[in-house]
Amino acid sequence: MCVAIYLALTLLALIYSDSVIESLALSAQSEGELEIVLALGWEIVPALWPLFALAMVLSSAVTLFIVRRLRARE
């Protein structure tokens, strides 16, 4: 039952992500008023994967730090 719930939540997250990411664009502004579009929609994900990986590592470190602090209090 839990597996079905996780699969349903993952599917809903993917559908939501698709609708949000499709409207985004990664752009850079050069000298003057010229704006260069670097990526559209899902092309943003490969451009920003190091940031996602860093966020995962930092969130894991914070979680472990909090768990150890709570265990030390007991």
N, C-alpha and C. Protein backbone atom coordinates (compact mmCIF):
# COMPACT_ATOMS: atom_id res chain seq x y z
N MET A 1 0.83 -1.19 0.00
CA MET A 1 0.00 0.00 0.00
C MET A 1 0.88 1.26 0.00
N CYS A 2 1.94 1.24 0.82
CA CYS A 2 2.82 2.41 0.87
C CYS A 2 3.52 2.64 -0.46
N VAL A 3 3.84 1.56 -1.15
CA VAL A 3 4.51 1.69 -2.45
C VAL A 3 3.57 2.38 -3.43
N ALA A 4 2.31 2.04 -3.40
CA ALA A 4 1.34 2.67 -4.30
C ALA A 4 1.20 4.16 -3.99
N ILE A 5 1.23 4.50 -2.73
CA ILE A 5 1.13 5.92 -2.35
C ILE A 5 2.36 6.68 -2.82
N TYR A 6 3.55 6.09 -2.62
CA TYR A 6 4.79 6.74 -3.10
C TYR A 6 4.80 6.90 -4.61
N LEU A 7 4.34 5.88 -5.33
CA LEU A 7 4.27 5.99 -6.79
C LEU A 7 3.30 7.07 -7.23
N ALA A 8 2.14 7.15 -6.57
CA ALA A 8 1.16 8.18 -6.92
C ALA A 8 1.71 9.58 -6.63
N LEU A 9 2.37 9.75 -5.49
CA LEU A 9 2.95 11.05 -5.15
C LEU A 9 4.07 11.43 -6.11
N THR A 10 4.88 10.45 -6.52
CA THR A 10 5.95 10.72 -7.48
C THR A 10 5.36 11.13 -8.82
N LEU A 11 4.32 10.46 -9.26
CA LEU A 11 3.66 10.81 -10.52
C LEU A 11 3.08 12.22 -10.45
N LEU A 12 2.43 12.55 -9.36
CA LEU A 12 1.88 13.90 -9.20
C LEU A 12 2.99 14.95 -9.19
N ALA A 13 4.12 14.64 -8.55
CA ALA A 13 5.24 15.58 -8.52
C ALA A 13 5.81 15.78 -9.92
N LEU A 14 5.90 14.71 -10.71
CA LEU A 14 6.40 14.84 -12.08
C LEU A 14 5.45 15.66 -12.95
N ILE A 15 4.16 15.44 -12.80
CA ILE A 15 3.18 16.21 -13.57
C ILE A 15 3.27 17.69 -13.20
N TYR A 16 3.35 17.97 -11.90
CA TYR A 16 3.47 19.35 -11.45
C TYR A 16 4.77 19.98 -11.95
N SER A 17 5.88 19.22 -11.84
CA SER A 17 7.17 19.74 -12.30
C SER A 17 7.15 20.04 -13.79
N ASP A 18 6.50 19.19 -14.56
CA ASP A 18 6.42 19.41 -16.00
C ASP A 18 5.69 20.70 -16.31
N SER A 19 4.59 20.95 -15.62
CA SER A 19 3.82 22.17 -15.90
C SER A 19 4.57 23.42 -15.46
N VAL A 20 5.35 23.32 -14.40
CA VAL A 20 6.10 24.48 -13.91
C VAL A 20 7.35 24.73 -14.74
N ILE A 21 8.11 23.66 -15.02
CA ILE A 21 9.39 23.81 -15.70
C ILE A 21 9.22 24.22 -17.16
N GLU A 22 8.15 23.81 -17.80
CA GLU A 22 7.95 24.15 -19.21
C GLU A 22 7.88 25.65 -19.44
N SER A 23 7.45 26.40 -18.46
CA SER A 23 7.31 27.85 -18.64
C SER A 23 8.56 28.63 -18.24
N LEU A 24 9.60 27.95 -17.75
CA LEU A 24 10.80 28.64 -17.30
C LEU A 24 11.85 28.75 -18.40
N ALA A 25 12.71 29.73 -18.26
CA ALA A 25 13.83 29.89 -19.19
C ALA A 25 15.04 30.39 -18.41
N LEU A 26 16.20 29.85 -18.74
CA LEU A 26 17.46 30.28 -18.13
C LEU A 26 18.13 31.22 -19.13
N SER A 27 18.29 32.47 -18.72
CA SER A 27 18.86 33.45 -19.65
C SER A 27 19.94 34.26 -18.97
N ALA A 28 20.73 34.89 -19.79
CA ALA A 28 21.81 35.75 -19.30
C ALA A 28 21.75 37.07 -20.05
N GLN A 29 22.05 38.14 -19.33
CA GLN A 29 22.05 39.46 -19.96
C GLN A 29 23.49 39.89 -20.20
N SER A 30 23.77 40.19 -21.43
CA SER A 30 25.13 40.64 -21.77
C SER A 30 25.16 42.16 -21.76
N GLU A 31 26.19 42.70 -22.32
CA GLU A 31 26.35 44.15 -22.33
C GLU A 31 25.14 44.82 -22.99
N GLY A 32 24.70 45.87 -22.38
CA GLY A 32 23.55 46.58 -22.93
C GLY A 32 22.24 45.89 -22.59
N GLU A 33 21.33 45.90 -23.53
CA GLU A 33 20.00 45.32 -23.32
C GLU A 33 19.84 43.94 -23.94
N LEU A 34 20.89 43.38 -24.51
CA LEU A 34 20.82 42.09 -25.17
C LEU A 34 20.69 40.97 -24.14
N GLU A 35 19.67 40.12 -24.30
CA GLU A 35 19.45 39.01 -23.40
C GLU A 35 19.55 37.71 -24.20
N ILE A 36 20.36 36.78 -23.72
CA ILE A 36 20.60 35.52 -24.41
C ILE A 36 19.91 34.40 -23.63
N VAL A 37 19.08 33.63 -24.31
CA VAL A 37 18.40 32.49 -23.68
C VAL A 37 19.33 31.29 -23.77
N LEU A 38 19.68 30.75 -22.60
CA LEU A 38 20.59 29.61 -22.54
C LEU A 38 19.86 28.28 -22.58
N ALA A 39 18.69 28.21 -21.96
CA ALA A 39 17.93 26.96 -21.92
C ALA A 39 16.45 27.26 -21.73
N LEU A 40 15.63 26.43 -22.34
CA LEU A 40 14.18 26.55 -22.20
C LEU A 40 13.61 25.25 -21.63
N GLY A 41 12.65 25.38 -20.73
CA GLY A 41 11.95 24.21 -20.21
C GLY A 41 12.87 23.21 -19.53
N TRP A 42 12.77 21.94 -19.96
CA TRP A 42 13.53 20.86 -19.35
C TRP A 42 15.02 20.94 -19.65
N GLU A 43 15.44 21.80 -20.56
CA GLU A 43 16.87 21.98 -20.82
C GLU A 43 17.57 22.62 -19.62
N ILE A 44 16.81 23.20 -18.72
CA ILE A 44 17.37 23.83 -17.52
C ILE A 44 17.95 22.78 -16.57
N VAL A 45 17.33 21.62 -16.49
CA VAL A 45 17.75 20.60 -15.52
C VAL A 45 19.20 20.17 -15.72
N PRO A 46 19.63 19.81 -16.95
CA PRO A 46 21.05 19.47 -17.10
C PRO A 46 21.99 20.65 -16.83
N ALA A 47 21.51 21.85 -17.05
CA ALA A 47 22.36 23.01 -16.81
C ALA A 47 22.56 23.27 -15.32
N LEU A 48 21.61 22.86 -14.50
CA LEU A 48 21.66 23.16 -13.08
C LEU A 48 21.86 21.92 -12.19
N TRP A 49 22.23 20.76 -12.75
CA TRP A 49 22.33 19.56 -11.93
C TRP A 49 23.36 19.67 -10.81
N PRO A 50 24.46 20.40 -10.98
CA PRO A 50 25.38 20.51 -9.82
C PRO A 50 24.72 21.20 -8.62
N LEU A 51 23.86 22.16 -8.88
CA LEU A 51 23.15 22.83 -7.80
C LEU A 51 22.20 21.88 -7.09
N PHE A 52 21.50 21.03 -7.85
CA PHE A 52 20.62 20.04 -7.25
C PHE A 52 21.40 19.05 -6.40
N ALA A 53 22.55 18.60 -6.91
CA ALA A 53 23.38 17.65 -6.15
C ALA A 53 23.90 18.28 -4.86
N LEU A 54 24.31 19.53 -4.92
CA LEU A 54 24.78 20.23 -3.73
C LEU A 54 23.66 20.37 -2.71
N ALA A 55 22.46 20.67 -3.16
CA ALA A 55 21.33 20.79 -2.24
C ALA A 55 21.03 19.46 -1.56
N MET A 56 21.15 18.35 -2.28
CA MET A 56 20.92 17.04 -1.67
C MET A 56 21.97 16.72 -0.62
N VAL A 57 23.22 17.02 -0.91
CA VAL A 57 24.30 16.75 0.04
C VAL A 57 24.13 17.62 1.29
N LEU A 58 23.84 18.89 1.11
CA LEU A 58 23.66 19.78 2.26
C LEU A 58 22.46 19.38 3.11
N SER A 59 21.36 19.00 2.48
CA SER A 59 20.18 18.60 3.27
C SER A 59 20.45 17.31 4.04
N SER A 60 21.21 16.39 3.45
CA SER A 60 21.58 15.17 4.18
C SER A 60 22.48 15.49 5.37
N ALA A 61 23.42 16.40 5.17
CA ALA A 61 24.32 16.78 6.26
C ALA A 61 23.57 17.45 7.40
N VAL A 62 22.66 18.33 7.07
CA VAL A 62 21.86 19.01 8.10
C VAL A 62 21.00 18.01 8.85
N THR A 63 20.40 17.06 8.13
CA THR A 63 19.57 16.05 8.79
C THR A 63 20.39 15.21 9.75
N LEU A 64 21.57 14.76 9.32
CA LEU A 64 22.42 13.97 10.21
C LEU A 64 22.88 14.78 11.41
N PHE A 65 23.19 16.05 11.21
CA PHE A 65 23.61 16.91 12.32
C PHE A 65 22.49 17.04 13.34
N ILE A 66 21.27 17.26 12.88
CA ILE A 66 20.14 17.42 13.80
C ILE A 66 19.86 16.12 14.55
N VAL A 67 19.91 14.98 13.85
CA VAL A 67 19.66 13.69 14.51
C VAL A 67 20.71 13.43 15.58
N ARG A 68 21.96 13.71 15.30
CA ARG A 68 23.02 13.49 16.29
C ARG A 68 22.86 14.41 17.49
N ARG A 69 22.46 15.65 17.25
CA ARG A 69 22.25 16.58 18.37
C ARG A 69 21.09 16.11 19.25
N LEU A 70 20.03 15.60 18.63
CA LEU A 70 18.88 15.13 19.40
C LEU A 70 19.24 13.88 20.20
N ARG A 71 20.05 13.01 19.63
CA ARG A 71 20.48 11.80 20.35
C ARG A 71 21.41 12.16 21.50
N ALA A 72 22.21 13.19 21.35
CA ALA A 72 23.14 13.59 22.41
C ALA A 72 22.38 14.15 23.62
N ARG A 73 21.22 14.72 23.39
CA ARG A 73 20.43 15.28 24.50
C ARG A 73 19.82 14.20 25.36
N GLU A 74 19.59 13.03 24.79
CA GLU A 74 18.93 11.95 25.55
C GLU A 74 19.82 11.28 26.52
